[in-house]
Amino acid sequence: MGLTADHLKSSLDAIAAIEPAMAAAIDRAGYPPPRIRERGYATLLRTIVGQQVSVAAAQSIWTKLEAGLGDLNDPATLAAISIEEMRGFGLSRQKASYAHSLAEQVTSGQLDLQNLSPDDEEAIAALSSVKGIGRWSAEIYLLFAEGRGDIWPAGDLAVQIEIGRILGLDARPTEKATRLLADPWRPHRGAAAIMAWHHYKVDMAVV
């Protein structure tokens, strides 16, 4: 389960107590709503399906897969068909390959989503071993689906932009700088990331 509203509030309050700029950001934008996804295989499969396409296009492909194959929560469903058959539902060859790799790793037990390492970096490495799941996708899964409170997706462009704005920097910080800037916020960096996305949306709405 992802981070609850109470968890987000308590974590952000802890950061605000040591970082006045975060307190000011909360005053401007309010506390962010929870961003919770279901834990398990289907959420990772949706991540692959949704890469580099619109939300509507991703949902259309998902609907076709469900209509043609049935239960997508069971990795055996995709593991049992070929990449060419997957392409018939609208997946590119590359995405079909990624989806097949994920299904095979889960069905074989090579990737055990119910027992990922409690160490965040080890869990990220395990998820990233799947073709099509990079560090960012792994971090988002651990943050939204497992509710790991100290996940910090410093490579996310919106996080970089908004942390720079919140802290009053002259330019968007690099991934390395974004990671260093948030170091004092451990173990609450996951809430800071969700706050950055929330603040970014508020900024865009104002613009």
N, C-alpha and C. Protein backbone atom coordinates (compact mmCIF):
# COMPACT_ATOMS: atom_id res chain seq x y z
N MET A 1 0.84 -1.18 0.00
CA MET A 1 0.00 0.00 0.00
C MET A 1 0.88 1.25 0.00
N GLY A 2 0.48 2.26 -0.75
CA GLY A 2 1.25 3.48 -0.83
C GLY A 2 1.15 4.32 0.42
N LEU A 3 1.78 5.49 0.39
CA LEU A 3 1.79 6.38 1.54
C LEU A 3 0.42 7.01 1.74
N THR A 4 -0.12 6.91 2.93
CA THR A 4 -1.43 7.46 3.24
C THR A 4 -1.34 8.98 3.44
N ALA A 5 -2.51 9.63 3.49
CA ALA A 5 -2.55 11.08 3.72
C ALA A 5 -1.91 11.43 5.06
N ASP A 6 -2.17 10.63 6.09
CA ASP A 6 -1.58 10.91 7.41
C ASP A 6 -0.06 10.78 7.37
N HIS A 7 0.42 9.75 6.66
CA HIS A 7 1.87 9.54 6.55
C HIS A 7 2.50 10.72 5.80
N LEU A 8 1.88 11.15 4.71
CA LEU A 8 2.41 12.27 3.95
C LEU A 8 2.48 13.52 4.82
N LYS A 9 1.42 13.77 5.56
CA LYS A 9 1.39 14.98 6.39
C LYS A 9 2.47 14.94 7.46
N SER A 10 2.59 13.84 8.17
CA SER A 10 3.58 13.76 9.24
C SER A 10 5.00 13.86 8.68
N SER A 11 5.24 13.25 7.54
CA SER A 11 6.58 13.30 6.94
C SER A 11 6.91 14.71 6.45
N LEU A 12 5.94 15.35 5.81
CA LEU A 12 6.18 16.71 5.32
C LEU A 12 6.33 17.70 6.47
N ASP A 13 5.61 17.49 7.54
CA ASP A 13 5.77 18.34 8.72
C ASP A 13 7.17 18.18 9.31
N ALA A 14 7.68 16.95 9.27
CA ALA A 14 9.04 16.71 9.77
C ALA A 14 10.07 17.44 8.92
N ILE A 15 9.87 17.43 7.59
CA ILE A 15 10.78 18.15 6.70
C ILE A 15 10.65 19.66 6.91
N ALA A 16 9.41 20.12 6.99
CA ALA A 16 9.15 21.56 7.16
C ALA A 16 9.79 22.10 8.44
N ALA A 17 9.92 21.25 9.45
CA ALA A 17 10.51 21.69 10.72
C ALA A 17 11.99 22.04 10.58
N ILE A 18 12.64 21.46 9.55
CA ILE A 18 14.07 21.75 9.34
C ILE A 18 14.32 22.52 8.05
N GLU A 19 13.28 22.66 7.21
CA GLU A 19 13.43 23.35 5.92
C GLU A 19 12.29 24.35 5.74
N PRO A 20 12.53 25.63 6.08
CA PRO A 20 11.47 26.64 5.98
C PRO A 20 10.87 26.75 4.57
N ALA A 21 11.66 26.50 3.54
CA ALA A 21 11.15 26.59 2.17
C ALA A 21 10.07 25.53 1.92
N MET A 22 10.19 24.36 2.55
CA MET A 22 9.16 23.34 2.39
C MET A 22 7.90 23.75 3.14
N ALA A 23 8.07 24.37 4.30
CA ALA A 23 6.91 24.87 5.04
C ALA A 23 6.16 25.90 4.21
N ALA A 24 6.89 26.77 3.52
CA ALA A 24 6.27 27.78 2.67
C ALA A 24 5.55 27.13 1.49
N ALA A 25 6.13 26.07 0.95
CA ALA A 25 5.51 25.35 -0.17
C ALA A 25 4.20 24.71 0.26
N ILE A 26 4.17 24.17 1.46
CA ILE A 26 2.93 23.58 1.98
C ILE A 26 1.87 24.66 2.16
N ASP A 27 2.29 25.82 2.63
CA ASP A 27 1.34 26.93 2.78
C ASP A 27 0.75 27.34 1.43
N ARG A 28 1.59 27.32 0.39
CA ARG A 28 1.13 27.73 -0.94
C ARG A 28 0.21 26.69 -1.58
N ALA A 29 0.63 25.44 -1.52
CA ALA A 29 -0.05 24.41 -2.31
C ALA A 29 -0.91 23.46 -1.49
N GLY A 30 -0.75 23.48 -0.17
CA GLY A 30 -1.46 22.52 0.66
C GLY A 30 -0.75 21.17 0.64
N TYR A 31 -1.24 20.24 1.45
CA TYR A 31 -0.65 18.89 1.46
C TYR A 31 -1.12 18.12 0.23
N PRO A 32 -0.25 17.30 -0.33
CA PRO A 32 -0.63 16.54 -1.52
C PRO A 32 -1.57 15.38 -1.18
N PRO A 33 -2.44 15.00 -2.12
CA PRO A 33 -3.26 13.81 -1.90
C PRO A 33 -2.41 12.55 -2.07
N PRO A 34 -2.81 11.45 -1.47
CA PRO A 34 -2.05 10.20 -1.64
C PRO A 34 -2.03 9.75 -3.10
N ARG A 35 -0.97 9.08 -3.47
CA ARG A 35 -0.86 8.49 -4.81
C ARG A 35 -0.56 7.01 -4.59
N ILE A 36 -1.62 6.21 -4.57
CA ILE A 36 -1.50 4.81 -4.20
C ILE A 36 -1.88 3.90 -5.36
N ARG A 37 -1.03 2.93 -5.63
CA ARG A 37 -1.31 1.93 -6.65
C ARG A 37 -1.30 0.54 -6.02
N GLU A 38 -1.91 -0.40 -6.72
CA GLU A 38 -1.98 -1.76 -6.21
C GLU A 38 -0.61 -2.42 -6.28
N ARG A 39 -0.29 -3.13 -5.23
CA ARG A 39 0.99 -3.82 -5.18
C ARG A 39 0.92 -5.07 -6.06
N GLY A 40 1.96 -5.34 -6.84
CA GLY A 40 2.03 -6.57 -7.58
C GLY A 40 2.27 -6.43 -9.07
N TYR A 41 2.17 -7.54 -9.74
CA TYR A 41 2.52 -7.69 -11.15
C TYR A 41 1.74 -6.76 -12.07
N ALA A 42 0.42 -6.65 -11.86
CA ALA A 42 -0.41 -5.88 -12.78
C ALA A 42 0.01 -4.42 -12.85
N THR A 43 0.44 -3.87 -11.73
CA THR A 43 0.87 -2.46 -11.72
C THR A 43 2.13 -2.28 -12.56
N LEU A 44 3.06 -3.21 -12.47
CA LEU A 44 4.27 -3.13 -13.30
C LEU A 44 3.94 -3.33 -14.77
N LEU A 45 2.99 -4.22 -15.05
CA LEU A 45 2.58 -4.43 -16.44
C LEU A 45 1.95 -3.15 -17.00
N ARG A 46 1.13 -2.49 -16.21
CA ARG A 46 0.54 -1.22 -16.65
C ARG A 46 1.62 -0.18 -16.92
N THR A 47 2.68 -0.20 -16.13
CA THR A 47 3.79 0.73 -16.33
C THR A 47 4.41 0.52 -17.71
N ILE A 48 4.60 -0.73 -18.08
CA ILE A 48 5.18 -1.03 -19.39
C ILE A 48 4.22 -0.63 -20.50
N VAL A 49 2.96 -0.99 -20.36
CA VAL A 49 1.96 -0.66 -21.39
C VAL A 49 1.86 0.85 -21.59
N GLY A 50 2.00 1.60 -20.50
CA GLY A 50 1.80 3.05 -20.57
C GLY A 50 3.01 3.86 -20.99
N GLN A 51 4.15 3.21 -21.21
CA GLN A 51 5.35 3.96 -21.56
C GLN A 51 5.21 4.66 -22.92
N GLN A 52 5.49 5.95 -22.91
CA GLN A 52 5.58 6.77 -24.14
C GLN A 52 4.29 6.80 -24.97
N VAL A 53 3.16 6.59 -24.31
CA VAL A 53 1.86 6.76 -24.99
C VAL A 53 0.94 7.53 -24.06
N SER A 54 -0.13 8.07 -24.59
CA SER A 54 -1.08 8.81 -23.78
C SER A 54 -1.82 7.86 -22.83
N VAL A 55 -2.43 8.45 -21.81
CA VAL A 55 -3.23 7.66 -20.87
C VAL A 55 -4.36 6.94 -21.61
N ALA A 56 -4.99 7.64 -22.56
CA ALA A 56 -6.10 7.05 -23.31
C ALA A 56 -5.62 5.87 -24.16
N ALA A 57 -4.46 6.03 -24.80
CA ALA A 57 -3.94 4.95 -25.64
C ALA A 57 -3.57 3.74 -24.79
N ALA A 58 -2.96 3.99 -23.63
CA ALA A 58 -2.58 2.90 -22.74
C ALA A 58 -3.81 2.14 -22.25
N GLN A 59 -4.88 2.87 -21.94
CA GLN A 59 -6.10 2.23 -21.46
C GLN A 59 -6.75 1.42 -22.58
N SER A 60 -6.67 1.92 -23.80
CA SER A 60 -7.23 1.20 -24.94
C SER A 60 -6.52 -0.14 -25.14
N ILE A 61 -5.20 -0.13 -25.03
CA ILE A 61 -4.43 -1.37 -25.18
C ILE A 61 -4.77 -2.33 -24.04
N TRP A 62 -4.85 -1.78 -22.83
CA TRP A 62 -5.16 -2.62 -21.66
C TRP A 62 -6.53 -3.28 -21.82
N THR A 63 -7.51 -2.51 -22.29
CA THR A 63 -8.86 -3.03 -22.49
C THR A 63 -8.86 -4.15 -23.53
N LYS A 64 -8.09 -3.98 -24.60
CA LYS A 64 -7.99 -5.02 -25.63
C LYS A 64 -7.34 -6.28 -25.07
N LEU A 65 -6.30 -6.11 -24.26
CA LEU A 65 -5.63 -7.26 -23.66
C LEU A 65 -6.59 -8.02 -22.74
N GLU A 66 -7.34 -7.28 -21.93
CA GLU A 66 -8.29 -7.92 -21.01
C GLU A 66 -9.39 -8.66 -21.78
N ALA A 67 -9.89 -8.01 -22.84
CA ALA A 67 -10.97 -8.62 -23.61
C ALA A 67 -10.50 -9.89 -24.30
N GLY A 68 -9.25 -9.87 -24.76
CA GLY A 68 -8.75 -11.02 -25.51
C GLY A 68 -8.15 -12.12 -24.67
N LEU A 69 -7.62 -11.75 -23.48
CA LEU A 69 -6.87 -12.73 -22.70
C LEU A 69 -7.47 -13.03 -21.33
N GLY A 70 -8.31 -12.15 -20.83
CA GLY A 70 -8.91 -12.40 -19.51
C GLY A 70 -8.10 -11.76 -18.40
N ASP A 71 -7.83 -12.50 -17.35
CA ASP A 71 -7.23 -11.97 -16.12
C ASP A 71 -5.78 -11.56 -16.33
N LEU A 72 -5.53 -10.25 -16.31
CA LEU A 72 -4.16 -9.76 -16.48
C LEU A 72 -3.41 -9.68 -15.16
N ASN A 73 -4.09 -9.98 -14.06
CA ASN A 73 -3.41 -10.02 -12.76
C ASN A 73 -2.56 -11.28 -12.61
N ASP A 74 -2.83 -12.26 -13.46
CA ASP A 74 -2.08 -13.52 -13.42
C ASP A 74 -0.99 -13.48 -14.48
N PRO A 75 0.29 -13.45 -14.09
CA PRO A 75 1.37 -13.37 -15.08
C PRO A 75 1.40 -14.54 -16.04
N ALA A 76 0.82 -15.67 -15.64
CA ALA A 76 0.81 -16.83 -16.53
C ALA A 76 0.03 -16.55 -17.81
N THR A 77 -0.90 -15.59 -17.76
CA THR A 77 -1.71 -15.25 -18.93
C THR A 77 -0.83 -14.78 -20.08
N LEU A 78 0.11 -13.88 -19.80
CA LEU A 78 1.00 -13.38 -20.86
C LEU A 78 2.18 -14.30 -21.10
N ALA A 79 2.62 -14.98 -20.06
CA ALA A 79 3.76 -15.89 -20.22
C ALA A 79 3.43 -17.02 -21.19
N ALA A 80 2.13 -17.32 -21.32
CA ALA A 80 1.71 -18.46 -22.14
C ALA A 80 1.55 -18.13 -23.62
N ILE A 81 1.63 -16.84 -23.98
CA ILE A 81 1.46 -16.49 -25.39
C ILE A 81 2.74 -15.89 -25.95
N SER A 82 2.81 -15.82 -27.26
CA SER A 82 4.02 -15.33 -27.91
C SER A 82 4.03 -13.81 -27.99
N ILE A 83 5.20 -13.27 -28.27
CA ILE A 83 5.34 -11.83 -28.47
C ILE A 83 4.50 -11.38 -29.66
N GLU A 84 4.45 -12.19 -30.71
CA GLU A 84 3.65 -11.84 -31.89
C GLU A 84 2.17 -11.75 -31.55
N GLU A 85 1.71 -12.67 -30.70
CA GLU A 85 0.30 -12.63 -30.28
C GLU A 85 0.01 -11.36 -29.47
N MET A 86 0.96 -10.96 -28.63
CA MET A 86 0.79 -9.73 -27.85
C MET A 86 0.68 -8.52 -28.77
N ARG A 87 1.44 -8.52 -29.82
CA ARG A 87 1.44 -7.38 -30.74
C ARG A 87 0.05 -7.19 -31.37
N GLY A 88 -0.70 -8.26 -31.46
CA GLY A 88 -2.03 -8.18 -32.02
C GLY A 88 -3.00 -7.35 -31.18
N PHE A 89 -2.60 -7.07 -29.94
CA PHE A 89 -3.45 -6.27 -29.05
C PHE A 89 -3.00 -4.80 -29.00
N GLY A 90 -2.05 -4.45 -29.87
CA GLY A 90 -1.63 -3.06 -29.95
C GLY A 90 -0.30 -2.73 -29.32
N LEU A 91 0.37 -3.71 -28.76
CA LEU A 91 1.68 -3.47 -28.17
C LEU A 91 2.75 -3.45 -29.27
N SER A 92 3.72 -2.58 -29.13
CA SER A 92 4.85 -2.60 -30.05
C SER A 92 5.67 -3.86 -29.78
N ARG A 93 6.53 -4.21 -30.71
CA ARG A 93 7.38 -5.39 -30.50
C ARG A 93 8.21 -5.23 -29.22
N GLN A 94 8.74 -4.02 -29.01
CA GLN A 94 9.58 -3.78 -27.84
C GLN A 94 8.78 -3.94 -26.55
N LYS A 95 7.60 -3.34 -26.49
CA LYS A 95 6.78 -3.46 -25.28
C LYS A 95 6.31 -4.89 -25.05
N ALA A 96 5.99 -5.57 -26.13
CA ALA A 96 5.57 -6.97 -26.02
C ALA A 96 6.71 -7.80 -25.42
N SER A 97 7.93 -7.49 -25.85
CA SER A 97 9.10 -8.19 -25.32
C SER A 97 9.27 -7.89 -23.83
N TYR A 98 9.07 -6.63 -23.46
CA TYR A 98 9.18 -6.25 -22.05
C TYR A 98 8.12 -6.96 -21.21
N ALA A 99 6.88 -6.95 -21.71
CA ALA A 99 5.77 -7.57 -20.98
C ALA A 99 6.00 -9.06 -20.80
N HIS A 100 6.51 -9.68 -21.84
CA HIS A 100 6.79 -11.12 -21.79
C HIS A 100 7.89 -11.41 -20.78
N SER A 101 8.92 -10.57 -20.76
CA SER A 101 10.02 -10.73 -19.81
C SER A 101 9.52 -10.61 -18.38
N LEU A 102 8.67 -9.62 -18.14
CA LEU A 102 8.11 -9.44 -16.79
C LEU A 102 7.30 -10.66 -16.38
N ALA A 103 6.41 -11.11 -17.27
CA ALA A 103 5.56 -12.26 -16.96
C ALA A 103 6.39 -13.51 -16.66
N GLU A 104 7.42 -13.72 -17.46
CA GLU A 104 8.26 -14.90 -17.27
C GLU A 104 9.03 -14.84 -15.95
N GLN A 105 9.56 -13.66 -15.62
CA GLN A 105 10.33 -13.55 -14.38
C GLN A 105 9.45 -13.75 -13.15
N VAL A 106 8.21 -13.27 -13.23
CA VAL A 106 7.31 -13.43 -12.08
C VAL A 106 6.84 -14.88 -11.97
N THR A 107 6.45 -15.48 -13.09
CA THR A 107 5.97 -16.87 -13.03
C THR A 107 7.07 -17.85 -12.62
N SER A 108 8.31 -17.55 -13.01
CA SER A 108 9.42 -18.44 -12.67
C SER A 108 9.89 -18.26 -11.23
N GLY A 109 9.46 -17.16 -10.60
CA GLY A 109 9.91 -16.88 -9.25
C GLY A 109 11.20 -16.09 -9.20
N GLN A 110 11.75 -15.79 -10.38
CA GLN A 110 12.98 -14.99 -10.42
C GLN A 110 12.76 -13.61 -9.81
N LEU A 111 11.56 -13.07 -10.02
CA LEU A 111 11.18 -11.82 -9.40
C LEU A 111 9.98 -12.08 -8.49
N ASP A 112 10.20 -11.95 -7.19
CA ASP A 112 9.14 -12.21 -6.21
C ASP A 112 8.65 -10.86 -5.68
N LEU A 113 7.54 -10.38 -6.23
CA LEU A 113 7.04 -9.05 -5.88
C LEU A 113 6.46 -8.98 -4.48
N GLN A 114 6.19 -10.13 -3.89
CA GLN A 114 5.66 -10.13 -2.52
C GLN A 114 6.78 -10.14 -1.49
N ASN A 115 8.00 -10.36 -1.94
CA ASN A 115 9.12 -10.46 -1.00
C ASN A 115 10.35 -9.73 -1.52
N LEU A 116 10.16 -8.52 -2.00
CA LEU A 116 11.30 -7.72 -2.42
C LEU A 116 12.15 -7.38 -1.20
N SER A 117 13.43 -7.20 -1.42
CA SER A 117 14.33 -6.86 -0.32
C SER A 117 13.87 -5.60 0.40
N PRO A 118 13.96 -5.57 1.71
CA PRO A 118 13.61 -4.35 2.44
C PRO A 118 14.60 -3.21 2.17
N ASP A 119 15.77 -3.56 1.67
CA ASP A 119 16.74 -2.54 1.28
C ASP A 119 16.29 -1.91 -0.04
N ASP A 120 16.08 -0.60 -0.05
CA ASP A 120 15.52 0.06 -1.23
C ASP A 120 16.38 -0.13 -2.48
N GLU A 121 17.69 0.01 -2.34
CA GLU A 121 18.56 -0.12 -3.52
C GLU A 121 18.54 -1.54 -4.07
N GLU A 122 18.48 -2.52 -3.19
CA GLU A 122 18.41 -3.92 -3.64
C GLU A 122 17.08 -4.18 -4.34
N ALA A 123 16.00 -3.59 -3.81
CA ALA A 123 14.67 -3.75 -4.44
C ALA A 123 14.64 -3.08 -5.81
N ILE A 124 15.25 -1.91 -5.91
CA ILE A 124 15.33 -1.21 -7.20
C ILE A 124 16.11 -2.05 -8.21
N ALA A 125 17.21 -2.64 -7.76
CA ALA A 125 18.02 -3.47 -8.65
C ALA A 125 17.24 -4.69 -9.13
N ALA A 126 16.46 -5.30 -8.24
CA ALA A 126 15.66 -6.48 -8.62
C ALA A 126 14.62 -6.10 -9.66
N LEU A 127 13.92 -5.00 -9.44
CA LEU A 127 12.89 -4.57 -10.39
C LEU A 127 13.51 -4.15 -11.72
N SER A 128 14.66 -3.51 -11.66
CA SER A 128 15.32 -3.02 -12.88
C SER A 128 15.92 -4.15 -13.71
N SER A 129 15.96 -5.35 -13.15
CA SER A 129 16.47 -6.49 -13.92
C SER A 129 15.49 -6.90 -15.01
N VAL A 130 14.24 -6.43 -14.90
CA VAL A 130 13.23 -6.72 -15.92
C VAL A 130 13.42 -5.76 -17.09
N LYS A 131 13.45 -6.29 -18.29
CA LYS A 131 13.55 -5.42 -19.46
C LYS A 131 12.37 -4.46 -19.49
N GLY A 132 12.66 -3.16 -19.67
CA GLY A 132 11.60 -2.17 -19.74
C GLY A 132 11.29 -1.50 -18.42
N ILE A 133 11.86 -2.00 -17.32
CA ILE A 133 11.68 -1.37 -16.02
C ILE A 133 13.02 -0.75 -15.62
N GLY A 134 13.12 0.56 -15.77
CA GLY A 134 14.33 1.27 -15.38
C GLY A 134 14.26 1.73 -13.94
N ARG A 135 15.27 2.49 -13.54
CA ARG A 135 15.33 2.94 -12.15
C ARG A 135 14.10 3.78 -11.80
N TRP A 136 13.70 4.71 -12.69
CA TRP A 136 12.57 5.57 -12.38
C TRP A 136 11.29 4.75 -12.16
N SER A 137 11.02 3.81 -13.06
CA SER A 137 9.81 2.98 -12.93
C SER A 137 9.86 2.16 -11.65
N ALA A 138 11.04 1.66 -11.31
CA ALA A 138 11.19 0.88 -10.07
C ALA A 138 10.93 1.75 -8.85
N GLU A 139 11.46 2.97 -8.88
CA GLU A 139 11.25 3.88 -7.75
C GLU A 139 9.78 4.24 -7.59
N ILE A 140 9.11 4.52 -8.71
CA ILE A 140 7.70 4.88 -8.66
C ILE A 140 6.87 3.71 -8.10
N TYR A 141 7.20 2.50 -8.52
CA TYR A 141 6.49 1.33 -8.00
C TYR A 141 6.67 1.20 -6.49
N LEU A 142 7.91 1.32 -6.03
CA LEU A 142 8.19 1.17 -4.60
C LEU A 142 7.53 2.28 -3.77
N LEU A 143 7.45 3.46 -4.34
CA LEU A 143 6.84 4.58 -3.65
C LEU A 143 5.32 4.48 -3.61
N PHE A 144 4.72 4.23 -4.76
CA PHE A 144 3.25 4.25 -4.86
C PHE A 144 2.60 2.93 -4.46
N ALA A 145 3.23 1.80 -4.77
CA ALA A 145 2.60 0.50 -4.51
C ALA A 145 3.04 -0.11 -3.18
N GLU A 146 4.28 0.14 -2.78
CA GLU A 146 4.75 -0.43 -1.52
C GLU A 146 4.81 0.60 -0.39
N GLY A 147 4.66 1.87 -0.73
CA GLY A 147 4.66 2.90 0.31
C GLY A 147 5.98 3.04 1.03
N ARG A 148 7.07 2.87 0.30
CA ARG A 148 8.39 3.03 0.92
C ARG A 148 8.68 4.52 1.09
N GLY A 149 8.80 4.94 2.33
CA GLY A 149 8.80 6.36 2.64
C GLY A 149 10.04 7.15 2.29
N ASP A 150 11.13 6.48 1.97
CA ASP A 150 12.36 7.23 1.69
C ASP A 150 12.81 7.11 0.24
N ILE A 151 11.95 6.64 -0.63
CA ILE A 151 12.29 6.58 -2.05
C ILE A 151 12.41 8.00 -2.59
N TRP A 152 13.47 8.27 -3.33
CA TRP A 152 13.72 9.62 -3.82
C TRP A 152 14.09 9.58 -5.30
N PRO A 153 13.12 9.75 -6.22
CA PRO A 153 13.37 9.69 -7.66
C PRO A 153 14.03 10.97 -8.17
N ALA A 154 15.29 11.14 -7.84
CA ALA A 154 16.02 12.37 -8.15
C ALA A 154 16.21 12.58 -9.65
N GLY A 155 16.03 11.52 -10.43
CA GLY A 155 16.16 11.66 -11.88
C GLY A 155 14.90 12.16 -12.56
N ASP A 156 13.82 12.34 -11.81
CA ASP A 156 12.55 12.79 -12.38
C ASP A 156 12.63 14.28 -12.68
N LEU A 157 12.31 14.65 -13.91
CA LEU A 157 12.45 16.05 -14.34
C LEU A 157 11.57 16.98 -13.51
N ALA A 158 10.32 16.61 -13.27
CA ALA A 158 9.42 17.47 -12.50
C ALA A 158 9.90 17.64 -11.07
N VAL A 159 10.46 16.57 -10.48
CA VAL A 159 11.01 16.67 -9.13
C VAL A 159 12.17 17.65 -9.11
N GLN A 160 13.05 17.55 -10.10
CA GLN A 160 14.19 18.47 -10.18
C GLN A 160 13.72 19.92 -10.30
N ILE A 161 12.78 20.14 -11.23
CA ILE A 161 12.28 21.50 -11.46
C ILE A 161 11.65 22.07 -10.19
N GLU A 162 10.80 21.29 -9.56
CA GLU A 162 10.03 21.84 -8.44
C GLU A 162 10.85 21.95 -7.17
N ILE A 163 11.77 21.04 -6.95
CA ILE A 163 12.65 21.19 -5.79
C ILE A 163 13.49 22.45 -5.96
N GLY A 164 13.93 22.71 -7.19
CA GLY A 164 14.65 23.94 -7.46
C GLY A 164 13.81 25.17 -7.15
N ARG A 165 12.55 25.14 -7.56
CA ARG A 165 11.65 26.27 -7.31
C ARG A 165 11.36 26.43 -5.82
N ILE A 166 11.05 25.31 -5.17
CA ILE A 166 10.73 25.36 -3.74
C ILE A 166 11.89 25.94 -2.94
N LEU A 167 13.10 25.54 -3.29
CA LEU A 167 14.28 25.99 -2.55
C LEU A 167 14.83 27.33 -3.05
N GLY A 168 14.19 27.89 -4.09
CA GLY A 168 14.61 29.20 -4.59
C GLY A 168 15.92 29.19 -5.34
N LEU A 169 16.22 28.09 -6.02
CA LEU A 169 17.47 28.01 -6.78
C LEU A 169 17.34 28.76 -8.10
N ASP A 170 18.46 29.20 -8.64
CA ASP A 170 18.46 29.96 -9.90
C ASP A 170 18.24 29.07 -11.11
N ALA A 171 18.59 27.79 -10.99
CA ALA A 171 18.46 26.87 -12.13
C ALA A 171 18.04 25.50 -11.63
N ARG A 172 17.48 24.70 -12.55
CA ARG A 172 17.08 23.34 -12.18
C ARG A 172 18.31 22.54 -11.76
N PRO A 173 18.27 21.93 -10.58
CA PRO A 173 19.41 21.13 -10.13
C PRO A 173 19.55 19.85 -10.94
N THR A 174 20.76 19.36 -11.06
CA THR A 174 21.01 18.08 -11.72
C THR A 174 20.49 16.94 -10.85
N GLU A 175 20.49 15.75 -11.42
CA GLU A 175 20.07 14.59 -10.63
C GLU A 175 20.94 14.43 -9.38
N LYS A 176 22.25 14.57 -9.57
CA LYS A 176 23.17 14.43 -8.44
C LYS A 176 22.90 15.49 -7.38
N ALA A 177 22.69 16.74 -7.83
CA ALA A 177 22.43 17.83 -6.89
C ALA A 177 21.09 17.63 -6.18
N THR A 178 20.09 17.16 -6.93
CA THR A 178 18.77 16.91 -6.34
C THR A 178 18.86 15.85 -5.25
N ARG A 179 19.69 14.85 -5.49
CA ARG A 179 19.87 13.80 -4.49
C ARG A 179 20.52 14.37 -3.22
N LEU A 180 21.54 15.21 -3.42
CA LEU A 180 22.24 15.79 -2.27
C LEU A 180 21.36 16.77 -1.49
N LEU A 181 20.56 17.55 -2.22
CA LEU A 181 19.69 18.54 -1.57
C LEU A 181 18.71 17.89 -0.59
N ALA A 182 18.26 16.70 -0.96
CA ALA A 182 17.24 16.02 -0.14
C ALA A 182 17.84 15.13 0.94
N ASP A 183 19.14 15.03 0.99
CA ASP A 183 19.76 14.12 1.96
C ASP A 183 19.35 14.43 3.41
N PRO A 184 19.24 15.71 3.79
CA PRO A 184 18.83 16.00 5.17
C PRO A 184 17.39 15.60 5.48
N TRP A 185 16.62 15.27 4.44
CA TRP A 185 15.20 14.95 4.64
C TRP A 185 14.95 13.47 4.91
N ARG A 186 16.00 12.67 4.88
CA ARG A 186 15.81 11.25 5.21
C ARG A 186 15.18 11.13 6.59
N PRO A 187 14.30 10.19 6.84
CA PRO A 187 13.78 9.14 5.96
C PRO A 187 12.41 9.50 5.35
N HIS A 188 12.24 10.77 5.01
CA HIS A 188 10.93 11.25 4.55
C HIS A 188 10.94 11.71 3.09
N ARG A 189 11.94 11.29 2.33
CA ARG A 189 12.08 11.83 0.98
C ARG A 189 10.96 11.43 0.03
N GLY A 190 10.32 10.30 0.29
CA GLY A 190 9.19 9.90 -0.56
C GLY A 190 8.07 10.92 -0.52
N ALA A 191 7.78 11.42 0.66
CA ALA A 191 6.74 12.45 0.80
C ALA A 191 7.17 13.73 0.10
N ALA A 192 8.46 14.04 0.14
CA ALA A 192 8.97 15.23 -0.54
C ALA A 192 8.79 15.11 -2.05
N ALA A 193 8.98 13.91 -2.60
CA ALA A 193 8.78 13.70 -4.04
C ALA A 193 7.32 13.92 -4.41
N ILE A 194 6.42 13.36 -3.62
CA ILE A 194 4.99 13.52 -3.90
C ILE A 194 4.59 14.99 -3.76
N MET A 195 5.20 15.69 -2.79
CA MET A 195 4.95 17.12 -2.63
C MET A 195 5.46 17.89 -3.85
N ALA A 196 6.61 17.50 -4.37
CA ALA A 196 7.17 18.18 -5.54
C ALA A 196 6.23 18.06 -6.74
N TRP A 197 5.69 16.87 -6.98
CA TRP A 197 4.74 16.69 -8.10
C TRP A 197 3.48 17.50 -7.87
N HIS A 198 3.01 17.53 -6.64
CA HIS A 198 1.81 18.30 -6.29
C HIS A 198 2.05 19.80 -6.51
N HIS A 199 3.17 20.27 -6.05
CA HIS A 199 3.53 21.69 -6.17
C HIS A 199 3.71 22.06 -7.64
N TYR A 200 4.25 21.13 -8.41
CA TYR A 200 4.44 21.34 -9.85
C TYR A 200 3.10 21.55 -10.54
N LYS A 201 2.12 20.73 -10.18
CA LYS A 201 0.78 20.87 -10.77
C LYS A 201 0.16 22.21 -10.40
N VAL A 202 0.35 22.64 -9.16
CA VAL A 202 -0.18 23.93 -8.72
C VAL A 202 0.49 25.05 -9.49
N ASP A 203 1.81 24.95 -9.66
CA ASP A 203 2.55 25.95 -10.44
C ASP A 203 2.02 26.05 -11.87
N MET A 204 1.81 24.88 -12.47
CA MET A 204 1.34 24.86 -13.86
C MET A 204 -0.08 25.45 -13.97
N ALA A 205 -0.90 25.18 -12.95
CA ALA A 205 -2.27 25.70 -12.96
C ALA A 205 -2.27 27.23 -12.86
N VAL A 206 -1.33 27.77 -12.08
CA VAL A 206 -1.22 29.20 -11.91
C VAL A 206 -0.75 29.86 -13.19
N VAL A 207 0.25 29.21 -13.83
CA VAL A 207 0.76 29.71 -15.10
C VAL A 207 -0.33 29.70 -16.15
